[in-house]
Amino acid sequence: MVSEEKFDHDETIEYVHKEKGQPDRLVRFCCDSCIEDLAAEPAKHFRKLDEAAKAKPGESKHHH
């Protein structure tokens, strides 16, 4: 999750982030503006996502 907004798992936008030299990553978003935020600063947001996934291994929001 990029923003701090409440996330409704029933209404998600799936986005595959592709970056040269990195594996493709599937990310689920609540809205289009979050995709723009991720595209602007992917390293920052993936770090947050990875930390959240480690904290809650059963509730990962993305896949490698």
N, C-alpha and C. Protein backbone atom coordinates (compact mmCIF):
# COMPACT_ATOMS: atom_id res chain seq x y z
N MET A 1 0.85 -1.17 0.00
CA MET A 1 0.00 0.00 0.00
C MET A 1 0.90 1.23 0.00
N VAL A 2 0.62 2.14 -0.90
CA VAL A 2 1.44 3.34 -1.03
C VAL A 2 0.94 4.43 -0.10
N SER A 3 -0.35 4.64 -0.09
CA SER A 3 -0.91 5.68 0.78
C SER A 3 -1.31 5.08 2.12
N GLU A 4 -1.76 5.94 3.01
CA GLU A 4 -2.22 5.49 4.32
C GLU A 4 -3.73 5.31 4.35
N GLU A 5 -4.38 5.39 3.17
CA GLU A 5 -5.83 5.28 3.10
C GLU A 5 -6.27 3.84 3.38
N LYS A 6 -7.53 3.71 3.81
CA LYS A 6 -8.10 2.38 4.04
C LYS A 6 -8.12 1.61 2.73
N PHE A 7 -7.75 0.35 2.79
CA PHE A 7 -7.62 -0.47 1.59
C PHE A 7 -8.76 -1.46 1.53
N ASP A 8 -9.57 -1.39 0.47
CA ASP A 8 -10.69 -2.31 0.28
C ASP A 8 -10.23 -3.41 -0.68
N HIS A 9 -10.04 -4.62 -0.16
CA HIS A 9 -9.50 -5.71 -0.97
C HIS A 9 -10.46 -6.15 -2.08
N ASP A 10 -11.72 -5.78 -2.01
CA ASP A 10 -12.67 -6.16 -3.05
C ASP A 10 -12.57 -5.26 -4.27
N GLU A 11 -12.01 -4.08 -4.10
CA GLU A 11 -11.92 -3.12 -5.20
C GLU A 11 -10.47 -2.72 -5.39
N THR A 12 -9.71 -3.57 -6.07
CA THR A 12 -8.30 -3.29 -6.25
C THR A 12 -7.96 -3.12 -7.72
N ILE A 13 -6.88 -2.40 -7.97
CA ILE A 13 -6.33 -2.25 -9.30
C ILE A 13 -5.00 -3.00 -9.29
N GLU A 14 -4.87 -3.99 -10.16
CA GLU A 14 -3.62 -4.74 -10.22
C GLU A 14 -2.69 -4.08 -11.22
N TYR A 15 -1.44 -3.90 -10.82
CA TYR A 15 -0.46 -3.22 -11.64
C TYR A 15 0.84 -4.00 -11.57
N VAL A 16 1.45 -4.26 -12.72
CA VAL A 16 2.74 -4.94 -12.74
C VAL A 16 3.81 -3.88 -13.01
N HIS A 17 4.68 -3.70 -12.03
CA HIS A 17 5.76 -2.72 -12.14
C HIS A 17 6.95 -3.40 -12.80
N LYS A 18 7.43 -2.81 -13.90
CA LYS A 18 8.58 -3.36 -14.61
C LYS A 18 9.70 -2.34 -14.56
N GLU A 19 10.87 -2.80 -14.13
CA GLU A 19 12.02 -1.92 -14.02
C GLU A 19 13.24 -2.69 -14.52
N LYS A 20 14.03 -2.07 -15.38
CA LYS A 20 15.19 -2.75 -15.95
C LYS A 20 16.11 -3.25 -14.85
N GLY A 21 16.52 -4.51 -14.96
CA GLY A 21 17.42 -5.09 -13.97
C GLY A 21 16.74 -5.60 -12.72
N GLN A 22 15.43 -5.45 -12.63
CA GLN A 22 14.67 -5.89 -11.46
C GLN A 22 13.57 -6.86 -11.91
N PRO A 23 13.16 -7.77 -11.03
CA PRO A 23 12.04 -8.65 -11.41
C PRO A 23 10.73 -7.87 -11.47
N ASP A 24 9.82 -8.30 -12.34
CA ASP A 24 8.50 -7.67 -12.39
C ASP A 24 7.82 -7.89 -11.05
N ARG A 25 7.04 -6.90 -10.63
CA ARG A 25 6.35 -7.02 -9.34
C ARG A 25 4.88 -6.64 -9.50
N LEU A 26 4.02 -7.51 -8.99
CA LEU A 26 2.59 -7.25 -8.99
C LEU A 26 2.24 -6.49 -7.73
N VAL A 27 1.56 -5.37 -7.90
CA VAL A 27 1.15 -4.57 -6.75
C VAL A 27 -0.34 -4.29 -6.90
N ARG A 28 -1.06 -4.37 -5.80
CA ARG A 28 -2.50 -4.07 -5.82
C ARG A 28 -2.72 -2.70 -5.19
N PHE A 29 -3.46 -1.88 -5.89
CA PHE A 29 -3.70 -0.50 -5.44
C PHE A 29 -5.18 -0.26 -5.19
N CYS A 30 -5.43 0.79 -4.40
CA CYS A 30 -6.82 1.20 -4.15
C CYS A 30 -7.29 2.20 -5.20
N CYS A 31 -6.36 2.92 -5.85
CA CYS A 31 -6.75 3.93 -6.83
C CYS A 31 -5.59 4.25 -7.77
N ASP A 32 -5.90 4.90 -8.88
CA ASP A 32 -4.88 5.24 -9.88
C ASP A 32 -3.80 6.18 -9.35
N SER A 33 -4.13 7.09 -8.45
CA SER A 33 -3.14 8.03 -7.97
C SER A 33 -2.01 7.33 -7.21
N CYS A 34 -2.31 6.19 -6.60
CA CYS A 34 -1.26 5.42 -5.91
C CYS A 34 -0.27 4.83 -6.91
N ILE A 35 -0.75 4.46 -8.10
CA ILE A 35 0.15 3.96 -9.13
C ILE A 35 1.14 5.05 -9.52
N GLU A 36 0.66 6.28 -9.66
CA GLU A 36 1.53 7.41 -10.00
C GLU A 36 2.56 7.64 -8.91
N ASP A 37 2.15 7.53 -7.64
CA ASP A 37 3.08 7.70 -6.52
C ASP A 37 4.18 6.64 -6.58
N LEU A 38 3.81 5.40 -6.85
CA LEU A 38 4.79 4.33 -6.92
C LEU A 38 5.75 4.57 -8.09
N ALA A 39 5.23 4.93 -9.24
CA ALA A 39 6.07 5.14 -10.41
C ALA A 39 7.07 6.28 -10.19
N ALA A 40 6.71 7.27 -9.40
CA ALA A 40 7.59 8.40 -9.13
C ALA A 40 8.77 8.01 -8.23
N GLU A 41 8.53 7.12 -7.26
CA GLU A 41 9.57 6.73 -6.30
C GLU A 41 9.47 5.24 -5.99
N PRO A 42 9.75 4.38 -6.97
CA PRO A 42 9.55 2.94 -6.74
C PRO A 42 10.39 2.37 -5.61
N ALA A 43 11.65 2.75 -5.49
CA ALA A 43 12.51 2.16 -4.45
C ALA A 43 11.96 2.45 -3.06
N LYS A 44 11.52 3.67 -2.84
CA LYS A 44 10.97 4.07 -1.53
C LYS A 44 9.74 3.24 -1.19
N HIS A 45 8.82 3.10 -2.14
CA HIS A 45 7.56 2.42 -1.87
C HIS A 45 7.75 0.91 -1.77
N PHE A 46 8.64 0.32 -2.59
CA PHE A 46 8.87 -1.12 -2.47
C PHE A 46 9.54 -1.45 -1.15
N ARG A 47 10.38 -0.57 -0.64
CA ARG A 47 10.99 -0.79 0.67
C ARG A 47 9.89 -0.86 1.73
N LYS A 48 8.92 0.06 1.67
CA LYS A 48 7.80 0.05 2.62
C LYS A 48 6.97 -1.23 2.49
N LEU A 49 6.71 -1.64 1.23
CA LEU A 49 5.93 -2.85 1.01
C LEU A 49 6.65 -4.08 1.53
N ASP A 50 7.96 -4.14 1.28
CA ASP A 50 8.74 -5.29 1.74
C ASP A 50 8.77 -5.36 3.27
N GLU A 51 8.90 -4.21 3.91
CA GLU A 51 8.89 -4.19 5.39
C GLU A 51 7.54 -4.64 5.92
N ALA A 52 6.46 -4.21 5.29
CA ALA A 52 5.12 -4.60 5.73
C ALA A 52 4.92 -6.10 5.53
N ALA A 53 5.45 -6.64 4.43
CA ALA A 53 5.30 -8.07 4.16
C ALA A 53 6.06 -8.90 5.20
N LYS A 54 7.22 -8.43 5.62
CA LYS A 54 8.00 -9.15 6.63
C LYS A 54 7.27 -9.12 7.98
N ALA A 55 6.62 -8.01 8.28
CA ALA A 55 5.92 -7.86 9.56
C ALA A 55 4.68 -8.75 9.60
N LYS A 56 4.02 -8.94 8.44
CA LYS A 56 2.80 -9.74 8.36
C LYS A 56 2.93 -10.74 7.22
N PRO A 57 3.70 -11.81 7.39
CA PRO A 57 3.95 -12.72 6.27
C PRO A 57 2.69 -13.32 5.65
N GLY A 58 1.63 -13.48 6.38
CA GLY A 58 0.41 -14.05 5.83
C GLY A 58 -0.46 -13.06 5.09
N GLU A 59 -0.11 -11.77 5.13
CA GLU A 59 -0.94 -10.73 4.54
C GLU A 59 -0.17 -9.90 3.53
N SER A 60 0.70 -10.50 2.75
CA SER A 60 1.50 -9.77 1.76
C SER A 60 0.61 -9.13 0.72
N LYS A 61 0.93 -7.91 0.33
CA LYS A 61 0.15 -7.17 -0.66
C LYS A 61 0.79 -7.23 -2.03
N HIS A 62 1.92 -7.92 -2.17
CA HIS A 62 2.60 -8.00 -3.45
C HIS A 62 3.31 -9.33 -3.58
N HIS A 63 3.74 -9.64 -4.80
CA HIS A 63 4.42 -10.89 -5.06
C HIS A 63 5.71 -10.60 -5.78
N HIS A 64 6.68 -11.48 -5.63
CA HIS A 64 7.95 -11.34 -6.36
C HIS A 64 7.84 -12.02 -7.69
